[in-house]
PDB file of N, CA and C in Angstrom:
ATOM      1  N   UNK A   1    -138.440 -47.560  54.854  1.00  0.00           N
ATOM      2  CA  UNK A   1    -138.058 -47.501  55.680  1.00  0.00           C
ATOM      3  C   UNK A   1    -137.334 -46.273  56.895  1.00  0.00           C
ATOM      4  N   UNK A   2    -137.342 -45.588  56.586  1.00  0.00           N
ATOM      5  CA  UNK A   2    -136.824 -43.780  57.405  1.00  0.00           C
ATOM      6  C   UNK A   2    -137.685 -43.713  58.010  1.00  0.00           C
ATOM      7  N   UNK A   3    -138.577 -43.505  58.876  1.00  0.00           N
ATOM      8  CA  UNK A   3    -140.221 -43.787  59.467  1.00  0.00           C
ATOM      9  C   UNK A   3    -139.792 -44.674  60.285  1.00  0.00           C
ATOM     10  N   UNK A   4    -139.154 -46.601  59.977  1.00  0.00           N
ATOM     11  CA  UNK A   4    -138.796 -47.139  60.941  1.00  0.00           C
ATOM     12  C   UNK A   4    -137.322 -46.553  61.340  1.00  0.00           C
ATOM     13  N   UNK A   5    -136.609 -47.369  60.638  1.00  0.00           N
ATOM     14  CA  UNK A   5    -134.904 -46.195  61.285  1.00  0.00           C
ATOM     15  C   UNK A   5    -135.443 -45.538  61.895  1.00  0.00           C
ATOM     16  N   UNK A   6    -136.206 -43.602  62.178  1.00  0.00           N
ATOM     17  CA  UNK A   6    -136.530 -43.282  62.645  1.00  0.00           C
ATOM     18  C   UNK A   6    -136.810 -43.343  64.121  1.00  0.00           C
ATOM     19  N   UNK A   7    -137.625 -44.233  64.708  1.00  0.00           N
ATOM     20  CA  UNK A   7    -138.548 -44.745  64.960  1.00  0.00           C
ATOM     21  C   UNK A   7    -137.465 -45.525  66.030  1.00  0.00           C
ATOM     22  N   UNK A   8    -137.141 -46.330  65.973  1.00  0.00           N
ATOM     23  CA  UNK A   8    -135.835 -47.519  66.283  1.00  0.00           C
ATOM     24  C   UNK A   8    -134.723 -46.529  67.099  1.00  0.00           C
ATOM     25  N   UNK A   9    -134.415 -44.917  66.431  1.00  0.00           N
ATOM     26  CA  UNK A   9    -133.501 -43.343  67.290  1.00  0.00           C
ATOM     27  C   UNK A   9    -132.277 -43.757  65.958  1.00  0.00           C
ATOM     28  N   UNK A  10    -132.790 -44.208  65.051  1.00  0.00           N
ATOM     29  CA  UNK A  10    -131.286 -44.342  63.650  1.00  0.00           C
ATOM     30  C   UNK A  10    -131.686 -43.778  62.720  1.00  0.00           C
ATOM     31  N   UNK A  11    -130.315 -42.287  62.418  1.00  0.00           N
ATOM     32  CA  UNK A  11    -130.540 -41.446  61.421  1.00  0.00           C
ATOM     33  C   UNK A  11    -130.673 -41.561  60.197  1.00  0.00           C
ATOM     34  N   UNK A  12    -131.249 -41.305  59.046  1.00  0.00           N
ATOM     35  CA  UNK A  12    -131.008 -41.812  57.866  1.00  0.00           C
ATOM     36  C   UNK A  12    -130.340 -41.139  56.529  1.00  0.00           C
ATOM     37  N   UNK A  13    -129.903 -41.897  55.663  1.00  0.00           N
ATOM     38  CA  UNK A  13    -129.361 -41.714  54.431  1.00  0.00           C
ATOM     39  C   UNK A  13    -129.707 -42.212  53.573  1.00  0.00           C
ATOM     40  N   UNK A  14    -130.326 -41.047  52.873  1.00  0.00           N
ATOM     41  CA  UNK A  14    -131.069 -41.757  51.352  1.00  0.00           C
ATOM     42  C   UNK A  14    -130.532 -40.799  50.078  1.00  0.00           C
ATOM     43  N   UNK A  15    -130.679 -41.209  49.073  1.00  0.00           N
ATOM     44  CA  UNK A  15    -131.227 -40.599  48.249  1.00  0.00           C
ATOM     45  C   UNK A  15    -132.292 -39.917  47.814  1.00  0.00           C
ATOM     46  N   UNK A  16    -132.862 -38.904  46.999  1.00  0.00           N
ATOM     47  CA  UNK A  16    -133.847 -37.665  46.858  1.00  0.00           C
ATOM     48  C   UNK A  16    -135.159 -38.468  46.081  1.00  0.00           C
ATOM     49  N   UNK A  17    -136.128 -39.840  47.135  1.00  0.00           N
ATOM     50  CA  UNK A  17    -136.077 -41.031  45.795  1.00  0.00           C
ATOM     51  C   UNK A  17    -137.205 -39.858  46.324  1.00  0.00           C
ATOM     52  N   UNK A  18    -138.459 -39.540  48.001  1.00  0.00           N
ATOM     53  CA  UNK A  18    -139.716 -39.551  48.192  1.00  0.00           C
ATOM     54  C   UNK A  18    -139.390 -38.227  48.124  1.00  0.00           C
ATOM     55  N   UNK A  19    -141.130 -37.696  47.940  1.00  0.00           N
ATOM     56  CA  UNK A  19    -141.669 -36.515  48.675  1.00  0.00           C
ATOM     57  C   UNK A  19    -141.550 -36.678  50.304  1.00  0.00           C
ATOM     58  N   UNK A  20    -142.188 -37.679  51.264  1.00  0.00           N
ATOM     59  CA  UNK A  20    -141.616 -37.939  52.355  1.00  0.00           C
ATOM     60  C   UNK A  20    -140.801 -37.526  52.921  1.00  0.00           C
ATOM     61  N   UNK A  21    -139.441 -38.023  52.647  1.00  0.00           N
ATOM     62  CA  UNK A  21    -138.121 -37.498  52.852  1.00  0.00           C
ATOM     63  C   UNK A  21    -138.002 -36.189  53.407  1.00  0.00           C
ATOM     64  N   UNK A  22    -138.576 -35.953  52.956  1.00  0.00           N
ATOM     65  CA  UNK A  22    -138.366 -34.482  53.563  1.00  0.00           C
ATOM     66  C   UNK A  22    -139.271 -33.724  54.461  1.00  0.00           C
ATOM     67  N   UNK A  23    -140.519 -34.105  54.769  1.00  0.00           N
ATOM     68  CA  UNK A  23    -141.363 -34.375  55.795  1.00  0.00           C
ATOM     69  C   UNK A  23    -140.808 -34.665  57.002  1.00  0.00           C
ATOM     70  N   UNK A  24    -139.707 -35.473  56.916  1.00  0.00           N
ATOM     71  CA  UNK A  24    -139.532 -36.451  57.508  1.00  0.00           C
ATOM     72  C   UNK A  24    -138.115 -36.045  58.183  1.00  0.00           C
ATOM     73  N   UNK A  25    -136.835 -35.515  57.889  1.00  0.00           N
ATOM     74  CA  UNK A  25    -135.590 -35.811  58.202  1.00  0.00           C
ATOM     75  C   UNK A  25    -135.794 -33.855  58.212  1.00  0.00           C
ATOM     76  N   UNK A  26    -135.861 -33.365  58.953  1.00  0.00           N
ATOM     77  CA  UNK A  26    -136.495 -32.289  59.377  1.00  0.00           C
ATOM     78  C   UNK A  26    -135.362 -31.490  59.529  1.00  0.00           C
ATOM     79  N   UNK A  27    -134.551 -32.106  60.158  1.00  0.00           N
ATOM     80  CA  UNK A  27    -133.731 -31.834  61.380  1.00  0.00           C
ATOM     81  C   UNK A  27    -131.720 -31.941  61.478  1.00  0.00           C
ATOM     82  N   UNK A  28    -131.030 -32.160  61.479  1.00  0.00           N
ATOM     83  CA  UNK A  28    -129.561 -32.689  61.080  1.00  0.00           C
ATOM     84  C   UNK A  28    -129.290 -33.664  61.912  1.00  0.00           C
ATOM     85  N   UNK A  29    -129.580 -34.111  62.793  1.00  0.00           N
ATOM     86  CA  UNK A  29    -129.399 -34.897  63.062  1.00  0.00           C
ATOM     87  C   UNK A  29    -130.642 -36.086  62.761  1.00  0.00           C
ATOM     88  N   UNK A  30    -131.050 -35.970  61.971  1.00  0.00           N
ATOM     89  CA  UNK A  30    -132.212 -37.657  61.824  1.00  0.00           C
ATOM     90  C   UNK A  30    -131.514 -37.883  60.416  1.00  0.00           C
ATOM     91  N   UNK A  31    -130.675 -37.110  59.963  1.00  0.00           N
ATOM     92  CA  UNK A  31    -129.327 -37.994  59.018  1.00  0.00           C
ATOM     93  C   UNK A  31    -130.236 -36.322  57.501  1.00  0.00           C
ATOM     94  N   UNK A  32    -129.592 -36.994  56.789  1.00  0.00           N
ATOM     95  CA  UNK A  32    -129.239 -36.410  55.088  1.00  0.00           C
ATOM     96  C   UNK A  32    -130.294 -37.276  54.115  1.00  0.00           C
ATOM     97  N   UNK A  33    -131.150 -36.155  52.743  1.00  0.00           N
ATOM     98  CA  UNK A  33    -131.279 -36.331  52.189  1.00  0.00           C
ATOM     99  C   UNK A  33    -129.787 -36.240  50.861  1.00  0.00           C
ATOM    100  N   UNK A  34    -129.432 -37.470  50.093  1.00  0.00           N
ATOM    101  CA  UNK A  34    -128.413 -36.939  49.325  1.00  0.00           C
ATOM    102  C   UNK A  34    -128.730 -36.717  47.159  1.00  0.00           C
ATOM    103  N   UNK A  35    -128.657 -35.008  47.329  1.00  0.00           N
ATOM    104  CA  UNK A  35    -129.774 -35.278  45.416  1.00  0.00           C
ATOM    105  C   UNK A  35    -128.773 -36.102  44.667  1.00  0.00           C
ATOM    106  N   UNK A  36    -127.439 -36.718  44.469  1.00  0.00           N
ATOM    107  CA  UNK A  36    -127.596 -37.652  43.146  1.00  0.00           C
ATOM    108  C   UNK A  36    -126.866 -38.972  44.259  1.00  0.00           C
ATOM    109  N   UNK A  37    -126.975 -39.711  43.281  1.00  0.00           N
ATOM    110  CA  UNK A  37    -127.082 -41.261  43.561  1.00  0.00           C
ATOM    111  C   UNK A  37    -125.144 -41.317  43.080  1.00  0.00           C
ATOM    112  N   UNK A  38    -124.778 -40.853  43.637  1.00  0.00           N
ATOM    113  CA  UNK A  38    -123.192 -40.720  43.166  1.00  0.00           C
ATOM    114  C   UNK A  38    -122.212 -41.616  44.518  1.00  0.00           C
ATOM    115  N   UNK A  39    -121.535 -42.586  44.030  1.00  0.00           N
ATOM    116  CA  UNK A  39    -121.286 -43.294  45.713  1.00  0.00           C
ATOM    117  C   UNK A  39    -120.764 -42.582  46.478  1.00  0.00           C
ATOM    118  N   UNK A  40    -119.918 -41.562  45.661  1.00  0.00           N
ATOM    119  CA  UNK A  40    -118.938 -40.465  47.007  1.00  0.00           C
ATOM    120  C   UNK A  40    -119.524 -39.592  47.618  1.00  0.00           C
ATOM    121  N   UNK A  41    -120.637 -39.286  46.462  1.00  0.00           N
ATOM    122  CA  UNK A  41    -122.150 -38.078  47.934  1.00  0.00           C
ATOM    123  C   UNK A  41    -122.597 -39.078  48.680  1.00  0.00           C
ATOM    124  N   UNK A  42    -123.354 -39.905  48.499  1.00  0.00           N
ATOM    125  CA  UNK A  42    -123.249 -40.749  49.437  1.00  0.00           C
ATOM    126  C   UNK A  42    -122.726 -40.860  50.730  1.00  0.00           C
ATOM    127  N   UNK A  43    -121.506 -41.677  50.121  1.00  0.00           N
ATOM    128  CA  UNK A  43    -120.275 -41.883  51.518  1.00  0.00           C
ATOM    129  C   UNK A  43    -120.247 -40.872  52.792  1.00  0.00           C
ATOM    130  N   UNK A  44    -119.932 -39.325  51.994  1.00  0.00           N
ATOM    131  CA  UNK A  44    -119.446 -38.471  52.347  1.00  0.00           C
ATOM    132  C   UNK A  44    -120.785 -37.825  53.068  1.00  0.00           C
ATOM    133  N   UNK A  45    -121.921 -37.888  53.082  1.00  0.00           N
ATOM    134  CA  UNK A  45    -123.708 -38.025  53.714  1.00  0.00           C
ATOM    135  C   UNK A  45    -123.424 -39.085  54.792  1.00  0.00           C
ATOM    136  N   UNK A  46    -123.437 -40.112  54.572  1.00  0.00           N
ATOM    137  CA  UNK A  46    -123.121 -40.968  55.940  1.00  0.00           C
ATOM    138  C   UNK A  46    -122.099 -41.368  56.964  1.00  0.00           C
ATOM    139  N   UNK A  47    -120.870 -40.249  56.611  1.00  0.00           N
ATOM    140  CA  UNK A  47    -119.955 -40.180  57.613  1.00  0.00           C
ATOM    141  C   UNK A  47    -119.963 -38.942  57.885  1.00  0.00           C
ATOM    142  N   UNK A  48    -120.463 -37.503  57.235  1.00  0.00           N
ATOM    143  CA  UNK A  48    -121.329 -36.689  58.590  1.00  0.00           C
ATOM    144  C   UNK A  48    -122.469 -37.047  59.605  1.00  0.00           C
ATOM    145  N   UNK A  49    -123.621 -38.336  58.757  1.00  0.00           N
ATOM    146  CA  UNK A  49    -124.130 -38.422  59.802  1.00  0.00           C
ATOM    147  C   UNK A  49    -123.465 -39.327  61.088  1.00  0.00           C
ATOM    148  N   UNK A  50    -122.855 -40.733  60.818  1.00  0.00           N
ATOM    149  CA  UNK A  50    -121.773 -41.328  62.539  1.00  0.00           C
ATOM    150  C   UNK A  50    -121.266 -40.301  62.659  1.00  0.00           C
ATOM    151  N   UNK A  51    -120.413 -38.419  62.546  1.00  0.00           N
ATOM    152  CA  UNK A  51    -119.821 -38.370  63.101  1.00  0.00           C
ATOM    153  C   UNK A  51    -120.689 -37.251  64.095  1.00  0.00           C
ATOM    154  N   UNK A  52    -122.027 -37.415  64.135  1.00  0.00           N
ATOM    155  CA  UNK A  52    -122.182 -36.058  64.671  1.00  0.00           C
ATOM    156  C   UNK A  52    -123.289 -36.731  65.691  1.00  0.00           C
ATOM    157  N   UNK A  53    -122.819 -36.080  67.099  1.00  0.00           N
ATOM    158  CA  UNK A  53    -124.259 -36.798  68.295  1.00  0.00           C
ATOM    159  C   UNK A  53    -125.471 -37.628  68.071  1.00  0.00           C
ATOM    160  N   UNK A  54    -125.397 -38.888  68.888  1.00  0.00           N
ATOM    161  CA  UNK A  54    -127.065 -38.848  68.712  1.00  0.00           C
ATOM    162  C   UNK A  54    -127.434 -39.098  69.628  1.00  0.00           C
ATOM    163  N   UNK A  55    -129.174 -38.435  68.934  1.00  0.00           N
ATOM    164  CA  UNK A  55    -130.157 -38.264  69.669  1.00  0.00           C
ATOM    165  C   UNK A  55    -131.213 -39.246  69.736  1.00  0.00           C
ATOM    166  N   UNK A  56    -131.017 -40.195  69.736  1.00  0.00           N
ATOM    167  CA  UNK A  56    -132.261 -41.032  69.301  1.00  0.00           C
ATOM    168  C   UNK A  56    -133.898 -40.707  69.553  1.00  0.00           C
ATOM    169  N   UNK A  57    -133.939 -40.319  71.876  1.00  0.00           N
ATOM    170  CA  UNK A  57    -134.808 -39.841  71.403  1.00  0.00           C
ATOM    171  C   UNK A  57    -135.915 -38.239  70.832  1.00  0.00           C
ATOM    172  N   UNK A  58    -134.799 -37.925  70.451  1.00  0.00           N
ATOM    173  CA  UNK A  58    -135.763 -36.810  69.229  1.00  0.00           C
ATOM    174  C   UNK A  58    -135.369 -37.783  67.782  1.00  0.00           C
ATOM    175  N   UNK A  59    -134.913 -38.605  67.214  1.00  0.00           N
ATOM    176  CA  UNK A  59    -135.722 -38.832  66.356  1.00  0.00           C
ATOM    177  C   UNK A  59    -137.082 -39.538  66.337  1.00  0.00           C
ATOM    178  N   UNK A  60    -136.294 -40.176  67.288  1.00  0.00           N
ATOM    179  CA  UNK A  60    -138.062 -40.968  68.272  1.00  0.00           C
ATOM    180  C   UNK A  60    -139.195 -39.842  67.978  1.00  0.00           C
ATOM    181  N   UNK A  61    -138.902 -38.853  68.218  1.00  0.00           N
ATOM    182  CA  UNK A  61    -140.177 -38.168  68.044  1.00  0.00           C
ATOM    183  C   UNK A  61    -140.354 -37.430  66.525  1.00  0.00           C
ATOM    184  N   UNK A  62    -139.491 -36.979  66.091  1.00  0.00           N
ATOM    185  CA  UNK A  62    -140.084 -37.060  64.216  1.00  0.00           C
ATOM    186  C   UNK A  62    -140.419 -37.909  63.722  1.00  0.00           C
ATOM    187  N   UNK A  63    -140.601 -39.136  64.428  1.00  0.00           N
ATOM    188  CA  UNK A  63    -141.103 -40.262  62.964  1.00  0.00           C
ATOM    189  C   UNK A  63    -142.448 -40.297  63.889  1.00  0.00           C
ATOM    190  N   UNK A  64    -142.895 -40.394  65.323  1.00  0.00           N
ATOM    191  CA  UNK A  64    -144.188 -40.386  65.527  1.00  0.00           C
ATOM    192  C   UNK A  64    -145.266 -39.969  64.546  1.00  0.00           C
ATOM    193  N   UNK A  65    -145.641 -38.360  64.347  1.00  0.00           N
ATOM    194  CA  UNK A  65    -146.876 -38.467  63.515  1.00  0.00           C
ATOM    195  C   UNK A  65    -146.476 -39.657  62.070  1.00  0.00           C
ATOM    196  N   UNK A  66    -145.393 -40.197  61.997  1.00  0.00           N
ATOM    197  CA  UNK A  66    -145.689 -41.041  60.453  1.00  0.00           C
ATOM    198  C   UNK A  66    -146.418 -42.938  60.921  1.00  0.00           C
ATOM    199  N   UNK A  67    -146.466 -42.978  62.267  1.00  0.00           N
ATOM    200  CA  UNK A  67    -146.485 -44.351  63.127  1.00  0.00           C
ATOM    201  C   UNK A  67    -148.402 -44.230  62.228  1.00  0.00           C
ATOM    202  N   UNK A  68    -147.957 -45.460  62.137  1.00  0.00           N
ATOM    203  CA  UNK A  68    -149.549 -46.143  61.773  1.00  0.00           C
ATOM    204  C   UNK A  68    -150.681 -45.485  62.822  1.00  0.00           C
ATOM    205  N   UNK A  69    -150.572 -45.191  63.852  1.00  0.00           N
ATOM    206  CA  UNK A  69    -151.913 -44.627  64.753  1.00  0.00           C
ATOM    207  C   UNK A  69    -152.174 -43.374  64.347  1.00  0.00           C
ATOM    208  N   UNK A  70    -150.966 -42.818  64.323  1.00  0.00           N
ATOM    209  CA  UNK A  70    -151.030 -41.416  64.398  1.00  0.00           C
ATOM    210  C   UNK A  70    -152.021 -40.986  63.265  1.00  0.00           C
ATOM    211  N   UNK A  71    -150.917 -41.491  62.055  1.00  0.00           N
ATOM    212  CA  UNK A  71    -151.250 -41.261  60.679  1.00  0.00           C
ATOM    213  C   UNK A  71    -153.292 -42.357  59.686  1.00  0.00           C
ATOM    214  N   UNK A  72    -153.114 -42.781  61.298  1.00  0.00           N
ATOM    215  CA  UNK A  72    -155.378 -43.510  60.819  1.00  0.00           C
ATOM    216  C   UNK A  72    -155.791 -42.373  61.485  1.00  0.00           C
ATOM    217  N   UNK A  73    -155.337 -41.646  62.805  1.00  0.00           N
ATOM    218  CA  UNK A  73    -156.688 -41.072  63.207  1.00  0.00           C
ATOM    219  C   UNK A  73    -156.322 -39.504  62.298  1.00  0.00           C
ATOM    220  N   UNK A  74    -155.412 -39.532  62.175  1.00  0.00           N
ATOM    221  CA  UNK A  74    -155.157 -38.038  61.132  1.00  0.00           C
ATOM    222  C   UNK A  74    -155.793 -37.578  60.170  1.00  0.00           C
ATOM    223  N   UNK A  75    -156.538 -39.091  59.494  1.00  0.00           N
ATOM    224  CA  UNK A  75    -157.111 -39.233  58.161  1.00  0.00           C
ATOM    225  C   UNK A  75    -158.388 -39.417  59.039  1.00  0.00           C
ATOM    226  N   UNK A  76    -158.623 -39.780  60.059  1.00  0.00           N
ATOM    227  CA  UNK A  76    -160.522 -40.219  60.323  1.00  0.00           C
ATOM    228  C   UNK A  76    -160.509 -38.736  60.911  1.00  0.00           C
ATOM    229  N   UNK A  77    -159.870 -37.954  61.048  1.00  0.00           N
ATOM    230  CA  UNK A  77    -160.036 -36.438  61.123  1.00  0.00           C
ATOM    231  C   UNK A  77    -160.571 -35.990  60.725  1.00  0.00           C
ATOM    232  N   UNK A  78    -159.590 -35.914  59.473  1.00  0.00           N
ATOM    233  CA  UNK A  78    -160.189 -35.284  57.798  1.00  0.00           C
ATOM    234  C   UNK A  78    -160.688 -35.131  57.469  1.00  0.00           C
ATOM    235  N   UNK A  79    -161.886 -36.368  57.665  1.00  0.00           N
ATOM    236  CA  UNK A  79    -163.295 -37.265  56.977  1.00  0.00           C
ATOM    237  C   UNK A  79    -164.009 -36.164  57.499  1.00  0.00           C
ATOM    238  N   UNK A  80    -163.841 -36.653  59.650  1.00  0.00           N
ATOM    239  CA  UNK A  80    -164.690 -35.799  60.094  1.00  0.00           C
ATOM    240  C   UNK A  80    -164.710 -34.025  59.964  1.00  0.00           C
ATOM    241  N   UNK A  81    -164.271 -33.408  59.132  1.00  0.00           N
ATOM    242  CA  UNK A  81    -163.769 -32.113  59.269  1.00  0.00           C
ATOM    243  C   UNK A  81    -164.776 -32.128  58.193  1.00  0.00           C
ATOM    244  N   UNK A  82    -164.092 -32.729  56.932  1.00  0.00           N
ATOM    245  CA  UNK A  82    -164.710 -32.698  56.062  1.00  0.00           C
ATOM    246  C   UNK A  82    -166.332 -32.848  55.472  1.00  0.00           C
ATOM    247  N   UNK A  83    -167.043 -33.900  56.952  1.00  0.00           N
ATOM    248  CA  UNK A  83    -168.445 -33.780  56.908  1.00  0.00           C
ATOM    249  C   UNK A  83    -168.902 -33.105  58.203  1.00  0.00           C
ATOM    250  N   UNK A  84    -168.138 -32.350  59.071  1.00  0.00           N
ATOM    251  CA  UNK A  84    -168.363 -31.253  59.359  1.00  0.00           C
ATOM    252  C   UNK A  84    -168.947 -29.910  58.941  1.00  0.00           C
ATOM    253  N   UNK A  85    -168.078 -29.678  57.749  1.00  0.00           N
ATOM    254  CA  UNK A  85    -167.916 -28.350  56.739  1.00  0.00           C
ATOM    255  C   UNK A  85    -168.917 -29.232  55.309  1.00  0.00           C
ATOM    256  N   UNK A  86    -169.796 -29.847  55.336  1.00  0.00           N
ATOM    257  CA  UNK A  86    -170.274 -29.986  54.674  1.00  0.00           C
ATOM    258  C   UNK A  86    -170.233 -30.217  52.818  1.00  0.00           C
TER     259      UNK A  86
END
């Protein structure tokens, strides 16, 4: 859901539940990854994200490499490189 949120220009707040998040949330305006599952820590991250200026186009750009077409193209290109290198 993080990719979908960013693709819509919405920042993400999440617990550290996926390695993908670290590749996706690479700028402060993209949101926060919270190390703990404590409600106070999540609330603080939500407040911080809500208080920052919005940058929807930047968020859409961060999500672009993770969109289905881009992922499929990267996957097929990887196979082409494997075949080319024998």
